Amino acid sequence: MIDRSGFQLQTRKMLLEEALKNSIVDTASTLGEVFIAFQKDKYDVVIVDHGIENGQGCIDHILQISPDQSILVVSDAIHCVIPRCEDCVNNHYIRRLFNPTPIKNIVRMVEGFRRYECDHYDAETNHIRG
């Protein structure tokens, strides 16, 4: 999970580990920590708060070294992390949830990541939901 450091990050980590039995949740708060983490490990799903400093840089780095990495982006931004929303959905495994989002929604997305689509994208119309 990539988010601001502090009490909230540690609380989210604890809640996710409790809800996702037999899972380990690593945390990172800086782009440097993301570089180090991806040199050491592979991840089933990476959760990124897009609103943090270097949030987009973290996503770009992850996609550069592992384009098929499952990434759950928690964001209140209007723009997508990839310039064309349909590219994000069709060419990468990126899903976005609106921020703030309850932990239960994050757990649901992590558990069934490939079955869900982005909160911001309507696959039927190929348009961003607004």
N, C-alpha and C. Protein backbone atom coordinates (compact mmCIF):
# COMPACT_ATOMS: atom_id res chain seq x y z
N MET A 1 0.84 -1.16 0.00
CA MET A 1 0.00 0.00 0.00
C MET A 1 0.90 1.23 0.00
N ILE A 2 0.64 2.13 -0.91
CA ILE A 2 1.42 3.36 -1.04
C ILE A 2 0.52 4.52 -0.62
N ASP A 3 0.88 5.15 0.48
CA ASP A 3 0.05 6.22 1.04
C ASP A 3 0.93 7.09 1.93
N ARG A 4 0.37 8.18 2.42
CA ARG A 4 1.10 9.04 3.36
C ARG A 4 1.47 8.23 4.60
N SER A 5 2.64 8.50 5.13
CA SER A 5 3.04 7.80 6.35
C SER A 5 2.24 8.34 7.53
N GLY A 6 2.19 7.56 8.59
CA GLY A 6 1.53 8.01 9.80
C GLY A 6 0.52 7.01 10.32
N PHE A 7 -0.26 7.48 11.27
CA PHE A 7 -1.21 6.64 11.97
C PHE A 7 -2.24 6.02 11.03
N GLN A 8 -2.78 6.82 10.09
CA GLN A 8 -3.80 6.31 9.18
C GLN A 8 -3.27 5.16 8.32
N LEU A 9 -2.04 5.27 7.85
CA LEU A 9 -1.45 4.22 7.03
C LEU A 9 -1.32 2.94 7.85
N GLN A 10 -0.84 3.06 9.07
CA GLN A 10 -0.67 1.89 9.92
C GLN A 10 -2.02 1.27 10.28
N THR A 11 -3.03 2.11 10.49
CA THR A 11 -4.37 1.61 10.78
C THR A 11 -4.94 0.86 9.58
N ARG A 12 -4.80 1.43 8.38
CA ARG A 12 -5.27 0.75 7.16
C ARG A 12 -4.55 -0.57 6.96
N LYS A 13 -3.25 -0.57 7.19
CA LYS A 13 -2.46 -1.80 7.06
C LYS A 13 -3.01 -2.88 7.98
N MET A 14 -3.24 -2.51 9.25
CA MET A 14 -3.75 -3.47 10.23
C MET A 14 -5.14 -3.99 9.82
N LEU A 15 -6.03 -3.10 9.38
CA LEU A 15 -7.37 -3.50 8.98
C LEU A 15 -7.35 -4.41 7.76
N LEU A 16 -6.49 -4.09 6.80
CA LEU A 16 -6.39 -4.93 5.60
C LEU A 16 -5.83 -6.31 5.93
N GLU A 17 -4.80 -6.36 6.75
CA GLU A 17 -4.23 -7.66 7.12
C GLU A 17 -5.24 -8.50 7.90
N GLU A 18 -6.05 -7.85 8.70
CA GLU A 18 -7.08 -8.57 9.45
C GLU A 18 -8.17 -9.10 8.51
N ALA A 19 -8.58 -8.28 7.54
CA ALA A 19 -9.65 -8.68 6.61
C ALA A 19 -9.17 -9.66 5.54
N LEU A 20 -7.93 -9.51 5.11
CA LEU A 20 -7.37 -10.37 4.07
C LEU A 20 -6.50 -11.43 4.73
N LYS A 21 -7.14 -12.42 5.28
CA LYS A 21 -6.43 -13.47 6.03
C LYS A 21 -5.27 -14.03 5.20
N ASN A 22 -4.18 -14.35 5.87
CA ASN A 22 -2.98 -14.92 5.24
C ASN A 22 -2.32 -13.99 4.24
N SER A 23 -2.57 -12.70 4.38
CA SER A 23 -1.93 -11.71 3.49
C SER A 23 -0.99 -10.83 4.29
N ILE A 24 0.04 -10.41 3.64
CA ILE A 24 0.97 -9.45 4.23
C ILE A 24 0.83 -8.16 3.46
N VAL A 25 0.69 -7.07 4.17
CA VAL A 25 0.56 -5.76 3.56
C VAL A 25 1.84 -4.99 3.83
N ASP A 26 2.60 -4.71 2.77
CA ASP A 26 3.77 -3.85 2.87
C ASP A 26 3.31 -2.42 2.65
N THR A 27 4.02 -1.48 3.24
CA THR A 27 3.67 -0.07 3.06
C THR A 27 4.87 0.71 2.53
N ALA A 28 4.55 1.76 1.79
CA ALA A 28 5.56 2.70 1.29
C ALA A 28 4.92 4.08 1.29
N SER A 29 5.74 5.09 1.55
CA SER A 29 5.23 6.45 1.57
C SER A 29 5.97 7.38 0.62
N THR A 30 7.06 6.89 0.04
CA THR A 30 7.84 7.73 -0.87
C THR A 30 8.18 6.95 -2.14
N LEU A 31 8.54 7.68 -3.16
CA LEU A 31 8.95 7.05 -4.41
C LEU A 31 10.18 6.17 -4.19
N GLY A 32 11.10 6.61 -3.34
CA GLY A 32 12.29 5.82 -3.03
C GLY A 32 11.93 4.49 -2.40
N GLU A 33 10.96 4.49 -1.49
CA GLU A 33 10.52 3.24 -0.85
C GLU A 33 9.87 2.31 -1.88
N VAL A 34 9.18 2.88 -2.85
CA VAL A 34 8.58 2.06 -3.91
C VAL A 34 9.67 1.41 -4.76
N PHE A 35 10.71 2.19 -5.12
CA PHE A 35 11.84 1.62 -5.87
C PHE A 35 12.41 0.41 -5.14
N ILE A 36 12.67 0.57 -3.85
CA ILE A 36 13.27 -0.51 -3.06
C ILE A 36 12.33 -1.71 -2.97
N ALA A 37 11.05 -1.46 -2.70
CA ALA A 37 10.08 -2.55 -2.55
C ALA A 37 9.99 -3.39 -3.81
N PHE A 38 10.00 -2.75 -4.98
CA PHE A 38 9.84 -3.50 -6.23
C PHE A 38 11.14 -4.18 -6.66
N GLN A 39 12.24 -3.83 -6.06
CA GLN A 39 13.48 -4.58 -6.30
C GLN A 39 13.47 -5.87 -5.51
N LYS A 40 12.77 -5.87 -4.37
CA LYS A 40 12.78 -7.02 -3.48
C LYS A 40 11.63 -7.99 -3.70
N ASP A 41 10.44 -7.49 -4.01
CA ASP A 41 9.25 -8.32 -3.98
C ASP A 41 8.37 -8.15 -5.20
N LYS A 42 7.44 -9.10 -5.35
CA LYS A 42 6.34 -9.02 -6.32
C LYS A 42 5.07 -8.90 -5.49
N TYR A 43 4.06 -8.26 -6.03
CA TYR A 43 2.83 -8.02 -5.28
C TYR A 43 1.61 -8.47 -6.08
N ASP A 44 0.62 -9.02 -5.35
CA ASP A 44 -0.63 -9.41 -6.00
C ASP A 44 -1.38 -8.17 -6.45
N VAL A 45 -1.56 -7.22 -5.55
CA VAL A 45 -2.25 -5.96 -5.84
C VAL A 45 -1.51 -4.85 -5.11
N VAL A 46 -1.30 -3.75 -5.79
CA VAL A 46 -0.71 -2.56 -5.17
C VAL A 46 -1.82 -1.53 -5.02
N ILE A 47 -1.96 -0.99 -3.83
CA ILE A 47 -2.95 0.05 -3.55
C ILE A 47 -2.20 1.37 -3.46
N VAL A 48 -2.62 2.35 -4.26
CA VAL A 48 -1.93 3.65 -4.30
C VAL A 48 -2.93 4.77 -4.04
N ASP A 49 -2.60 5.65 -3.09
CA ASP A 49 -3.34 6.89 -2.93
C ASP A 49 -2.75 7.85 -3.95
N HIS A 50 -3.48 8.12 -5.00
CA HIS A 50 -3.00 8.94 -6.10
C HIS A 50 -2.75 10.38 -5.66
N GLY A 51 -3.37 10.80 -4.57
CA GLY A 51 -3.27 12.18 -4.13
C GLY A 51 -2.01 12.52 -3.36
N ILE A 52 -1.20 11.52 -3.02
CA ILE A 52 0.02 11.83 -2.27
C ILE A 52 1.08 12.42 -3.18
N GLU A 53 2.05 13.07 -2.58
CA GLU A 53 3.18 13.59 -3.35
C GLU A 53 3.85 12.42 -4.05
N ASN A 54 4.11 12.54 -5.33
CA ASN A 54 4.72 11.50 -6.17
C ASN A 54 3.83 10.29 -6.38
N GLY A 55 2.52 10.40 -6.11
CA GLY A 55 1.60 9.29 -6.35
C GLY A 55 1.64 8.84 -7.80
N GLN A 56 1.59 9.80 -8.74
CA GLN A 56 1.65 9.46 -10.16
C GLN A 56 3.02 8.88 -10.51
N GLY A 57 4.07 9.40 -9.91
CA GLY A 57 5.42 8.87 -10.16
C GLY A 57 5.53 7.42 -9.71
N CYS A 58 4.90 7.09 -8.60
CA CYS A 58 4.90 5.69 -8.12
C CYS A 58 4.20 4.79 -9.13
N ILE A 59 3.06 5.22 -9.62
CA ILE A 59 2.31 4.44 -10.60
C ILE A 59 3.13 4.28 -11.88
N ASP A 60 3.73 5.36 -12.36
CA ASP A 60 4.55 5.31 -13.57
C ASP A 60 5.71 4.34 -13.40
N HIS A 61 6.37 4.37 -12.25
CA HIS A 61 7.50 3.47 -12.00
C HIS A 61 7.04 2.01 -12.00
N ILE A 62 5.94 1.74 -11.32
CA ILE A 62 5.42 0.38 -11.26
C ILE A 62 5.09 -0.13 -12.67
N LEU A 63 4.42 0.68 -13.47
CA LEU A 63 4.04 0.27 -14.82
C LEU A 63 5.26 0.10 -15.72
N GLN A 64 6.30 0.87 -15.47
CA GLN A 64 7.52 0.75 -16.27
C GLN A 64 8.20 -0.59 -16.02
N ILE A 65 8.25 -1.03 -14.78
CA ILE A 65 8.95 -2.28 -14.49
C ILE A 65 8.03 -3.50 -14.54
N SER A 66 6.71 -3.27 -14.40
CA SER A 66 5.77 -4.38 -14.40
C SER A 66 4.42 -3.92 -14.96
N PRO A 67 4.31 -3.84 -16.31
CA PRO A 67 3.10 -3.29 -16.92
C PRO A 67 1.82 -4.06 -16.61
N ASP A 68 1.95 -5.32 -16.20
CA ASP A 68 0.76 -6.11 -15.89
C ASP A 68 0.47 -6.19 -14.39
N GLN A 69 1.11 -5.33 -13.60
CA GLN A 69 0.86 -5.29 -12.16
C GLN A 69 -0.57 -4.82 -11.90
N SER A 70 -1.28 -5.52 -11.03
CA SER A 70 -2.61 -5.08 -10.61
C SER A 70 -2.45 -3.91 -9.66
N ILE A 71 -3.07 -2.77 -10.02
CA ILE A 71 -2.96 -1.56 -9.22
C ILE A 71 -4.35 -1.03 -8.92
N LEU A 72 -4.62 -0.84 -7.65
CA LEU A 72 -5.86 -0.22 -7.21
C LEU A 72 -5.54 1.20 -6.79
N VAL A 73 -6.04 2.16 -7.55
CA VAL A 73 -5.77 3.57 -7.29
C VAL A 73 -6.96 4.17 -6.55
N VAL A 74 -6.70 4.73 -5.40
CA VAL A 74 -7.74 5.45 -4.65
C VAL A 74 -7.53 6.91 -4.96
N SER A 75 -8.56 7.53 -5.58
CA SER A 75 -8.36 8.87 -6.10
C SER A 75 -9.65 9.66 -6.11
N ASP A 76 -9.52 10.95 -5.88
CA ASP A 76 -10.65 11.85 -6.08
C ASP A 76 -10.40 12.76 -7.28
N ALA A 77 -9.32 12.50 -7.99
CA ALA A 77 -8.98 13.32 -9.16
C ALA A 77 -9.94 13.02 -10.31
N ILE A 78 -10.19 14.00 -11.11
CA ILE A 78 -11.05 13.83 -12.27
C ILE A 78 -10.30 13.09 -13.37
N HIS A 79 -9.02 13.37 -13.53
CA HIS A 79 -8.23 12.75 -14.60
C HIS A 79 -7.76 11.36 -14.18
N CYS A 80 -7.58 10.51 -15.16
CA CYS A 80 -7.09 9.15 -14.92
C CYS A 80 -5.57 9.14 -14.80
N VAL A 81 -5.03 8.04 -14.31
CA VAL A 81 -3.59 7.91 -14.16
C VAL A 81 -2.90 7.62 -15.48
N ILE A 82 -3.68 7.17 -16.46
CA ILE A 82 -3.22 6.95 -17.83
C ILE A 82 -4.00 7.94 -18.70
N PRO A 83 -3.37 8.61 -19.67
CA PRO A 83 -4.07 9.66 -20.42
C PRO A 83 -5.41 9.24 -21.04
N ARG A 84 -5.50 8.04 -21.56
CA ARG A 84 -6.77 7.58 -22.14
C ARG A 84 -7.34 6.50 -21.23
N CYS A 85 -8.50 6.75 -20.67
CA CYS A 85 -9.10 5.86 -19.68
C CYS A 85 -9.24 4.43 -20.21
N GLU A 86 -9.66 4.28 -21.44
CA GLU A 86 -9.84 2.93 -21.97
C GLU A 86 -8.51 2.18 -22.10
N ASP A 87 -7.40 2.90 -22.30
CA ASP A 87 -6.08 2.25 -22.31
C ASP A 87 -5.76 1.68 -20.93
N CYS A 88 -6.11 2.44 -19.92
CA CYS A 88 -5.88 2.01 -18.53
C CYS A 88 -6.60 0.69 -18.27
N VAL A 89 -7.85 0.61 -18.69
CA VAL A 89 -8.68 -0.57 -18.45
C VAL A 89 -8.27 -1.72 -19.37
N ASN A 90 -8.01 -1.44 -20.64
CA ASN A 90 -7.77 -2.50 -21.61
C ASN A 90 -6.32 -2.98 -21.66
N ASN A 91 -5.37 -2.13 -21.36
CA ASN A 91 -3.95 -2.50 -21.52
C ASN A 91 -3.21 -2.68 -20.20
N HIS A 92 -3.80 -2.29 -19.11
CA HIS A 92 -3.18 -2.43 -17.81
C HIS A 92 -4.22 -2.99 -16.85
N TYR A 93 -3.78 -3.41 -15.72
CA TYR A 93 -4.70 -3.90 -14.69
C TYR A 93 -4.80 -2.84 -13.60
N ILE A 94 -5.43 -1.74 -13.97
CA ILE A 94 -5.60 -0.62 -13.05
C ILE A 94 -7.09 -0.41 -12.83
N ARG A 95 -7.45 -0.27 -11.59
CA ARG A 95 -8.82 0.06 -11.23
C ARG A 95 -8.75 1.23 -10.27
N ARG A 96 -9.78 2.09 -10.32
CA ARG A 96 -9.81 3.24 -9.43
C ARG A 96 -11.06 3.21 -8.57
N LEU A 97 -10.90 3.58 -7.34
CA LEU A 97 -12.02 3.79 -6.43
C LEU A 97 -12.03 5.26 -6.05
N PHE A 98 -13.23 5.79 -5.86
CA PHE A 98 -13.34 7.17 -5.41
C PHE A 98 -12.81 7.29 -3.99
N ASN A 99 -12.21 8.43 -3.70
CA ASN A 99 -11.68 8.71 -2.38
C ASN A 99 -12.58 9.73 -1.71
N PRO A 100 -12.94 9.60 -0.47
CA PRO A 100 -12.56 8.52 0.45
C PRO A 100 -13.39 7.26 0.16
N THR A 101 -12.82 6.13 0.47
CA THR A 101 -13.52 4.87 0.28
C THR A 101 -13.34 4.01 1.52
N PRO A 102 -14.39 3.33 1.93
CA PRO A 102 -14.27 2.48 3.13
C PRO A 102 -13.32 1.31 2.89
N ILE A 103 -12.70 0.85 3.96
CA ILE A 103 -11.79 -0.30 3.89
C ILE A 103 -12.49 -1.50 3.28
N LYS A 104 -13.78 -1.70 3.59
CA LYS A 104 -14.49 -2.86 3.05
C LYS A 104 -14.51 -2.85 1.52
N ASN A 105 -14.57 -1.68 0.90
CA ASN A 105 -14.53 -1.60 -0.57
C ASN A 105 -13.14 -1.94 -1.10
N ILE A 106 -12.11 -1.52 -0.39
CA ILE A 106 -10.75 -1.86 -0.78
C ILE A 106 -10.55 -3.37 -0.67
N VAL A 107 -11.03 -3.96 0.42
CA VAL A 107 -10.92 -5.41 0.60
C VAL A 107 -11.64 -6.14 -0.53
N ARG A 108 -12.85 -5.71 -0.85
CA ARG A 108 -13.63 -6.32 -1.94
C ARG A 108 -12.86 -6.27 -3.25
N MET A 109 -12.24 -5.13 -3.54
CA MET A 109 -11.49 -4.99 -4.79
C MET A 109 -10.24 -5.86 -4.80
N VAL A 110 -9.54 -5.92 -3.69
CA VAL A 110 -8.32 -6.73 -3.63
C VAL A 110 -8.66 -8.20 -3.80
N GLU A 111 -9.71 -8.66 -3.12
CA GLU A 111 -10.08 -10.08 -3.18
C GLU A 111 -10.53 -10.51 -4.57
N GLY A 112 -11.23 -9.66 -5.28
CA GLY A 112 -11.74 -10.03 -6.60
C GLY A 112 -11.30 -9.07 -7.68
N PHE A 113 -10.06 -8.65 -7.62
CA PHE A 113 -9.56 -7.55 -8.44
C PHE A 113 -9.92 -7.68 -9.92
N ARG A 114 -9.66 -8.81 -10.53
CA ARG A 114 -9.84 -8.95 -11.98
C ARG A 114 -11.31 -8.98 -12.39
N ARG A 115 -12.22 -9.20 -11.44
CA ARG A 115 -13.65 -9.24 -11.76
C ARG A 115 -14.30 -7.86 -11.77
N TYR A 116 -13.63 -6.87 -11.20
CA TYR A 116 -14.23 -5.55 -11.07
C TYR A 116 -13.66 -4.58 -12.08
N GLU A 117 -14.47 -3.59 -12.40
CA GLU A 117 -13.97 -2.54 -13.28
C GLU A 117 -13.80 -1.26 -12.49
N CYS A 118 -13.19 -0.32 -13.12
CA CYS A 118 -12.89 0.97 -12.52
C CYS A 118 -14.18 1.73 -12.19
N ASP A 119 -14.23 2.38 -11.02
CA ASP A 119 -15.37 3.21 -10.65
C ASP A 119 -15.55 4.39 -11.60
N HIS A 120 -14.49 4.77 -12.30
CA HIS A 120 -14.52 5.95 -13.15
C HIS A 120 -14.83 5.64 -14.61
N TYR A 121 -14.94 4.37 -14.97
CA TYR A 121 -15.03 4.00 -16.39
C TYR A 121 -16.26 3.16 -16.64
N ASP A 122 -16.99 3.50 -17.67
CA ASP A 122 -18.17 2.74 -18.07
C ASP A 122 -17.82 1.94 -19.31
N ALA A 123 -17.62 0.64 -19.16
CA ALA A 123 -17.19 -0.22 -20.26
C ALA A 123 -18.22 -0.30 -21.37
N GLU A 124 -19.50 -0.16 -21.03
CA GLU A 124 -20.55 -0.25 -22.05
C GLU A 124 -20.48 0.91 -23.04
N THR A 125 -20.18 2.11 -22.53
CA THR A 125 -20.14 3.28 -23.41
C THR A 125 -18.73 3.71 -23.75
N ASN A 126 -17.72 3.07 -23.12
CA ASN A 126 -16.31 3.45 -23.30
C ASN A 126 -16.07 4.92 -22.94
N HIS A 127 -16.75 5.38 -21.91
CA HIS A 127 -16.59 6.77 -21.45
C HIS A 127 -16.30 6.80 -19.97
N ILE A 128 -15.70 7.91 -19.55
CA ILE A 128 -15.46 8.15 -18.13
C ILE A 128 -16.79 8.50 -17.49
N ARG A 129 -17.04 7.89 -16.31
CA ARG A 129 -18.25 8.23 -15.58
C ARG A 129 -18.08 9.61 -14.97
N GLY A 130 -19.12 10.40 -14.99
CA GLY A 130 -18.97 11.75 -14.48
C GLY A 130 -19.97 12.15 -13.54
